[in-house]
Amino acid sequence: MTDLLDLDATALALIGHDVALIPDAALADPTPCEGWTVADLLHHMNERHEAIARTALPPLEPAGDPRDGFALTAARCLAVLERAGETVTMPRLGPLSTAWVLGIHAVDMLVHRWDLARALRTTPATPSRITEAALPLARANTAPGSPSTARTAPTAHPSPKTRPAPRSTTSPPSWAATRTGLRRR
């Protein structure tokens, strides 16, 4: 599980860096997630991170500016997952394998990083070791019978406007699948 924890922490550090650099004017920009702005996506990530954190930590009031709360809520989420043991009780889903949660969360953060990059018209570098580790996780977590497809999981990600999730967690379109992982096109 240490490798998955490291992968998730790295994915959070990469997107956290990008979040810290978002200019005020870009918060209203659309993302590839239909109907979502950059601010909506940040609120969604903060809310989901805080929901996980609240399973073991006292609640935290959300920051007014979603950029301001990202690092703290992400760190709280990661701390809870790090201490969880073999299983973690996820809001709305119940007990799940902590390893599975770490893997899907790492992939989700990389996909959301791609969403932000598209919205901000940037091309942040992602180390190949990270994309190579993420591809098998993305495939496993979206395969028929995986916990993400086998459970009656909510199909909508809460956002400030309660919009449905625009798509499932998949490889970003600018990445090409190879036998050993993902590579940039």
Protein backbone atom coordinates (compact mmCIF):
# COMPACT_ATOMS: atom_id res chain seq x y z
CA MET A 1 0.00 0.00 0.00
CA THR A 2 3.00 2.30 0.45
CA ASP A 3 3.41 2.55 -3.33
CA LEU A 4 -0.24 3.56 -3.73
CA LEU A 5 0.04 6.09 -0.92
CA ASP A 6 3.12 7.57 -2.58
CA LEU A 7 1.35 7.66 -5.95
CA ASP A 8 -1.68 9.39 -4.46
CA ALA A 9 0.48 11.88 -2.55
CA THR A 10 2.39 12.67 -5.75
CA ALA A 11 -0.82 13.14 -7.75
CA LEU A 12 -2.10 15.48 -5.03
CA ALA A 13 1.17 17.43 -5.02
CA LEU A 14 1.05 17.83 -8.80
CA ILE A 15 -2.53 19.09 -8.89
CA GLY A 16 -1.97 21.15 -5.72
CA HIS A 17 0.82 23.01 -7.49
CA ASP A 18 -1.48 23.73 -10.42
CA VAL A 19 -4.33 24.84 -8.15
CA ALA A 20 -2.05 27.31 -6.36
CA LEU A 21 -1.28 28.99 -9.70
CA ILE A 22 -4.86 29.44 -10.93
CA PRO A 23 -5.47 33.16 -11.56
CA ASP A 24 -8.66 34.80 -10.27
CA ALA A 25 -10.01 35.34 -13.77
CA ALA A 26 -9.77 31.62 -14.59
CA LEU A 27 -12.16 30.49 -11.83
CA ALA A 28 -15.14 31.13 -14.12
CA ASP A 29 -13.57 29.36 -17.12
CA PRO A 30 -15.28 26.19 -18.37
CA THR A 31 -13.62 22.81 -17.92
CA PRO A 32 -13.97 19.77 -20.20
CA CYS A 33 -16.53 18.56 -17.64
CA GLU A 34 -19.71 19.77 -19.31
CA GLY A 35 -21.33 22.57 -17.33
CA TRP A 36 -18.52 22.83 -14.77
CA THR A 37 -16.27 25.83 -14.24
CA VAL A 38 -12.79 25.71 -12.74
CA ALA A 39 -14.30 26.88 -9.43
CA ASP A 40 -16.93 24.09 -9.58
CA LEU A 41 -14.22 21.49 -10.09
CA LEU A 42 -12.19 22.85 -7.16
CA HIS A 43 -15.27 22.89 -4.91
CA HIS A 44 -16.01 19.30 -5.94
CA MET A 45 -12.48 18.11 -5.08
CA ASN A 46 -12.47 20.00 -1.78
CA GLU A 47 -15.88 18.61 -0.82
CA ARG A 48 -14.92 15.01 -1.62
CA HIS A 49 -11.58 15.33 0.19
CA GLU A 50 -13.30 16.80 3.23
CA ALA A 51 -15.97 14.06 3.19
CA ILE A 52 -13.21 11.45 3.49
CA ALA A 53 -11.37 13.49 6.13
CA ARG A 54 -14.54 13.79 8.25
CA THR A 55 -14.68 10.01 8.60
CA ALA A 56 -11.84 10.31 11.15
CA LEU A 57 -11.24 14.02 11.80
CA PRO A 58 -13.40 16.89 13.05
CA PRO A 59 -15.18 18.89 10.34
CA LEU A 60 -13.45 21.79 8.69
CA GLU A 61 -15.30 24.85 7.45
CA PRO A 62 -14.80 25.31 3.70
CA ALA A 63 -12.66 28.21 2.55
CA GLY A 64 -14.43 30.95 0.61
CA ASP A 65 -11.97 30.69 -2.27
CA PRO A 66 -11.68 27.01 -3.29
CA ARG A 67 -7.98 27.46 -4.10
CA ASP A 68 -7.30 28.40 -0.48
CA GLY A 69 -8.79 25.21 0.92
CA PHE A 70 -7.37 22.73 -1.56
CA ALA A 71 -4.03 21.94 0.09
CA LEU A 72 -5.53 21.60 3.57
CA THR A 73 -8.45 19.39 2.57
CA ALA A 74 -6.20 17.24 0.37
CA ALA A 75 -3.72 16.80 3.24
CA ARG A 76 -6.53 15.86 5.65
CA CYS A 77 -7.87 13.31 3.16
CA LEU A 78 -4.46 11.78 2.63
CA ALA A 79 -3.80 11.62 6.39
CA VAL A 80 -7.03 9.69 6.93
CA LEU A 81 -6.23 7.26 4.12
CA GLU A 82 -2.69 6.81 5.45
CA ARG A 83 -4.00 5.82 8.90
CA ALA A 84 -6.97 3.78 7.71
CA GLY A 85 -5.50 0.28 7.74
CA GLU A 86 -6.83 -2.29 5.28
CA THR A 87 -10.27 -0.70 4.89
CA VAL A 88 -11.70 2.78 5.00
CA THR A 89 -15.37 3.63 5.37
CA MET A 90 -16.24 5.91 2.52
CA PRO A 91 -19.16 8.33 2.64
CA ARG A 92 -22.16 6.91 0.74
CA LEU A 93 -20.23 3.73 -0.17
CA GLY A 94 -19.36 2.10 3.14
CA PRO A 95 -16.22 0.04 3.81
CA LEU A 96 -13.80 -0.30 0.90
CA SER A 97 -10.24 -1.48 0.48
CA THR A 98 -7.93 1.40 1.31
CA ALA A 99 -5.62 0.30 -1.49
CA TRP A 100 -8.50 0.51 -3.98
CA VAL A 101 -9.49 3.97 -2.71
CA LEU A 102 -5.89 5.22 -2.96
CA GLY A 103 -5.57 3.90 -6.51
CA ILE A 104 -8.81 5.37 -7.78
CA HIS A 105 -8.14 8.67 -5.99
CA ALA A 106 -4.68 8.97 -7.58
CA VAL A 107 -6.17 8.40 -11.04
CA ASP A 108 -9.00 10.82 -10.30
CA MET A 109 -6.53 13.54 -9.29
CA LEU A 110 -4.53 13.01 -12.49
CA VAL A 111 -7.70 13.22 -14.57
CA HIS A 112 -8.82 16.37 -12.74
CA ARG A 113 -5.33 17.79 -13.30
CA TRP A 114 -5.86 17.22 -17.01
CA ASP A 115 -9.30 18.89 -16.72
CA LEU A 116 -7.66 21.96 -15.15
CA ALA A 117 -4.87 22.01 -17.73
CA ARG A 118 -7.40 21.99 -20.57
CA ALA A 119 -9.42 24.75 -18.92
CA LEU A 120 -6.33 26.87 -18.28
CA ARG A 121 -4.74 26.03 -21.64
CA THR A 122 -1.56 24.74 -20.01
CA THR A 123 0.49 21.60 -20.52
CA PRO A 124 1.93 20.62 -17.15
CA ALA A 125 4.49 17.86 -17.16
CA THR A 126 3.62 14.60 -15.45
CA PRO A 127 6.50 12.23 -14.71
CA SER A 128 6.26 9.09 -16.84
CA ARG A 129 6.57 6.86 -13.76
CA ILE A 130 3.31 8.42 -12.51
CA THR A 131 1.39 7.91 -15.75
CA GLU A 132 2.79 4.37 -16.10
CA ALA A 133 1.58 3.52 -12.59
CA ALA A 134 -1.83 5.15 -13.17
CA LEU A 135 -2.88 3.35 -16.36
CA PRO A 136 -3.31 -0.14 -14.89
CA LEU A 137 -5.17 1.39 -11.95
CA ALA A 138 -7.49 3.28 -14.29
CA ARG A 139 -8.17 0.12 -16.25
CA ALA A 140 -8.74 -1.99 -13.13
CA ASN A 141 -10.94 0.59 -11.45
CA THR A 142 -13.23 1.02 -14.43
CA ALA A 143 -13.39 -2.63 -15.51
CA PRO A 144 -16.67 -4.52 -15.24
CA GLY A 145 -17.02 -5.94 -11.73
CA SER A 146 -14.65 -3.46 -10.08
CA PRO A 147 -15.89 -1.73 -6.91
CA SER A 148 -16.57 1.43 -8.92
CA THR A 149 -18.84 -0.42 -11.35
CA ALA A 150 -20.18 -3.22 -9.13
CA ARG A 151 -21.51 -1.09 -6.28
CA THR A 152 -24.51 1.14 -6.43
CA ALA A 153 -22.31 4.20 -6.33
CA PRO A 154 -23.70 7.67 -6.86
CA THR A 155 -23.38 8.77 -10.47
CA ALA A 156 -23.30 12.44 -9.56
CA HIS A 157 -20.41 14.23 -7.94
CA PRO A 158 -21.68 16.94 -5.64
CA SER A 159 -20.69 20.39 -6.71
CA PRO A 160 -21.84 23.76 -5.54
CA LYS A 161 -24.65 23.47 -8.09
CA THR A 162 -25.17 19.68 -7.69
CA ARG A 163 -24.31 18.94 -11.29
CA PRO A 164 -23.95 15.35 -12.47
CA ALA A 165 -20.53 13.95 -13.14
CA PRO A 166 -19.61 14.66 -16.76
CA ARG A 167 -17.89 11.33 -17.38
CA SER A 168 -16.35 8.37 -15.63
CA THR A 169 -12.72 8.24 -14.59
CA THR A 170 -10.82 7.41 -17.77
CA SER A 171 -7.48 8.21 -19.33
CA PRO A 172 -7.24 11.84 -20.35
CA PRO A 173 -7.72 12.17 -24.12
CA SER A 174 -4.25 13.68 -24.55
CA TRP A 175 -2.67 10.45 -23.24
CA ALA A 176 -2.29 7.34 -25.34
CA ALA A 177 -2.42 3.90 -23.81
CA THR A 178 0.65 1.71 -24.30
CA ARG A 179 1.39 -1.76 -22.98
CA THR A 180 3.37 -0.31 -20.08
CA GLY A 181 1.33 2.75 -19.25
CA LEU A 182 0.23 6.13 -20.49
CA ARG A 183 2.25 8.41 -22.72
CA ARG A 184 1.58 11.89 -23.94
CA ARG A 185 0.51 12.16 -27.56
